[in-house]
C-alpha atoms as a PDB file:
ATOM      1  CA  MET A   1       3.841  13.859  12.194  1.00  0.00           C
ATOM      2  CA  LYS A   2       5.697  13.333  15.452  1.00  0.00           C
ATOM      3  CA  ASP A   3       4.552  16.722  16.720  1.00  0.00           C
ATOM      4  CA  ARG A   4       0.964  15.819  15.842  1.00  0.00           C
ATOM      5  CA  GLY A   5       1.188  12.442  17.600  1.00  0.00           C
ATOM      6  CA  GLU A   6       0.726  10.535  14.340  1.00  0.00           C
ATOM      7  CA  LEU A   7       3.704   8.177  14.617  1.00  0.00           C
ATOM      8  CA  PHE A   8       2.900   4.656  15.721  1.00  0.00           C
ATOM      9  CA  PRO A   9       5.224   1.651  15.959  1.00  0.00           C
ATOM     10  CA  THR A  10       4.531  -1.323  13.726  1.00  0.00           C
ATOM     11  CA  ALA A  11       2.550  -3.935  15.640  1.00  0.00           C
ATOM     12  CA  VAL A  12       4.746  -6.831  16.712  1.00  0.00           C
ATOM     13  CA  ASP A  13       2.142  -9.251  15.366  1.00  0.00           C
ATOM     14  CA  ALA A  14       1.815  -7.471  11.984  1.00  0.00           C
ATOM     15  CA  GLU A  15       1.491 -10.004   9.191  1.00  0.00           C
ATOM     16  CA  GLU A  16       4.476 -10.339   6.875  1.00  0.00           C
ATOM     17  CA  ILE A  17       3.753 -11.342   3.325  1.00  0.00           C
ATOM     18  CA  GLU A  18       5.961 -12.840   0.643  1.00  0.00           C
ATOM     19  CA  LEU A  19       5.271 -11.972  -2.969  1.00  0.00           C
ATOM     20  CA  ASP A  20       6.244 -14.794  -5.298  1.00  0.00           C
ATOM     21  CA  GLU A  21       7.348 -14.616  -8.928  1.00  0.00           C
ATOM     22  CA  SER A  22       3.806 -15.067 -10.248  1.00  0.00           C
ATOM     23  CA  PHE A  23       2.720 -11.891  -8.445  1.00  0.00           C
ATOM     24  CA  TRP A  24       5.406  -9.841 -10.182  1.00  0.00           C
ATOM     25  CA  ARG A  25       4.848 -11.513 -13.565  1.00  0.00           C
ATOM     26  CA  ASN A  26       1.188 -10.497 -13.417  1.00  0.00           C
ATOM     27  CA  ALA A  27       1.689  -7.085 -11.784  1.00  0.00           C
ATOM     28  CA  LYS A  28       0.649  -4.004 -13.725  1.00  0.00           C
ATOM     29  CA  LEU A  29       2.172  -0.602 -13.035  1.00  0.00           C
ATOM     30  CA  ILE A  30      -0.573   1.974 -12.562  1.00  0.00           C
ATOM     31  CA  MET A  31       0.832   5.437 -12.127  1.00  0.00           C
ATOM     32  CA  PRO A  32      -1.168   7.438  -9.587  1.00  0.00           C
ATOM     33  CA  SER A  33      -3.323  10.333 -10.666  1.00  0.00           C
ATOM     34  CA  GLY A  34      -2.518  13.924  -9.793  1.00  0.00           C
ATOM     35  CA  GLU A  35      -4.862  13.910  -6.817  1.00  0.00           C
ATOM     36  CA  THR A  36      -3.663  15.016  -3.401  1.00  0.00           C
ATOM     37  CA  LYS A  37      -1.439  12.598  -1.524  1.00  0.00           C
ATOM     38  CA  THR A  38      -1.085  11.932   2.188  1.00  0.00           C
ATOM     39  CA  SER A  39       2.400  12.424   3.580  1.00  0.00           C
ATOM     40  CA  VAL A  40       3.583   9.487   5.692  1.00  0.00           C
ATOM     41  CA  HIS A  41       6.747   8.294   7.363  1.00  0.00           C
ATOM     42  CA  LEU A  42       7.453   4.805   6.046  1.00  0.00           C
ATOM     43  CA  ARG A  43      10.284   2.518   7.064  1.00  0.00           C
ATOM     44  CA  VAL A  44      11.485   0.308   4.226  1.00  0.00           C
ATOM     45  CA  ASP A  45      14.479  -1.960   3.848  1.00  0.00           C
ATOM     46  CA  PRO A  46      17.521  -0.004   2.626  1.00  0.00           C
ATOM     47  CA  GLU A  47      18.059  -2.261  -0.376  1.00  0.00           C
ATOM     48  CA  VAL A  48      14.426  -1.792  -1.456  1.00  0.00           C
ATOM     49  CA  PHE A  49      14.679   1.999  -1.249  1.00  0.00           C
ATOM     50  CA  ASP A  50      18.073   2.040  -2.969  1.00  0.00           C
ATOM     51  CA  TRP A  51      16.749  -0.126  -5.812  1.00  0.00           C
ATOM     52  CA  PHE A  52      13.826   2.217  -6.468  1.00  0.00           C
ATOM     53  CA  LYS A  53      16.076   5.271  -6.193  1.00  0.00           C
ATOM     54  CA  ARG A  54      18.569   3.808  -8.698  1.00  0.00           C
ATOM     55  CA  GLN A  55      15.721   3.684 -11.248  1.00  0.00           C
ATOM     56  CA  GLY A  56      15.916   7.479 -11.427  1.00  0.00           C
ATOM     57  CA  LYS A  57      13.684  10.444 -10.826  1.00  0.00           C
ATOM     58  CA  GLY A  58      10.196   9.586  -9.622  1.00  0.00           C
ATOM     59  CA  HIS A  59      11.227   6.730  -7.338  1.00  0.00           C
ATOM     60  CA  LEU A  60       8.682   7.695  -4.670  1.00  0.00           C
ATOM     61  CA  THR A  61       5.937   7.874  -7.295  1.00  0.00           C
ATOM     62  CA  ARG A  62       6.888   4.378  -8.495  1.00  0.00           C
ATOM     63  CA  MET A  63       6.867   3.083  -4.924  1.00  0.00           C
ATOM     64  CA  ASN A  64       3.368   4.514  -4.551  1.00  0.00           C
ATOM     65  CA  ALA A  65       2.337   2.843  -7.819  1.00  0.00           C
ATOM     66  CA  VAL A  66       3.487  -0.543  -6.491  1.00  0.00           C
ATOM     67  CA  LEU A  67       1.533   0.005  -3.275  1.00  0.00           C
ATOM     68  CA  ARG A  68      -1.536   1.059  -5.286  1.00  0.00           C
ATOM     69  CA  ALA A  69      -1.308  -2.080  -7.425  1.00  0.00           C
ATOM     70  CA  TYR A  70      -1.199  -4.205  -4.280  1.00  0.00           C
ATOM     71  CA  TYR A  71      -4.144  -2.273  -2.843  1.00  0.00           C
ATOM     72  CA  GLU A  72      -6.194  -2.671  -6.035  1.00  0.00           C
ATOM     73  CA  ALA A  73      -5.448  -6.400  -6.177  1.00  0.00           C
ATOM     74  CA  ASN A  74      -6.404  -6.995  -2.553  1.00  0.00           C
ATOM     75  CA  ARG A  75      -8.930  -4.377  -1.463  1.00  0.00           C
ATOM     76  CA  LYS A  76     -11.965  -6.580  -2.083  1.00  0.00           C
ATOM     77  CA  LYS A  77     -10.438  -9.442  -0.088  1.00  0.00           C
ATOM     78  CA  ALA A  78     -10.194  -7.289   3.057  1.00  0.00           C
ATOM     79  CA  SER A  79     -13.830  -6.119   2.900  1.00  0.00           C
END
């Protein structure tokens, strides 16, 4: 990605969100389909990555499923 010029720093004014307990109580895990994925470089907090990795094989797929759930829950709000 670096060679292609596709790395961009996070905007200093990027919104930070806090997900409360009710979000996680109501969250549904939706495993992604087998369709093609886009490879990205993503910086996450070490404890977040370690927690997912400790859950075993498929940790990146589970991380994607969490992101998809957030996307599905919020995509209409952003339109």
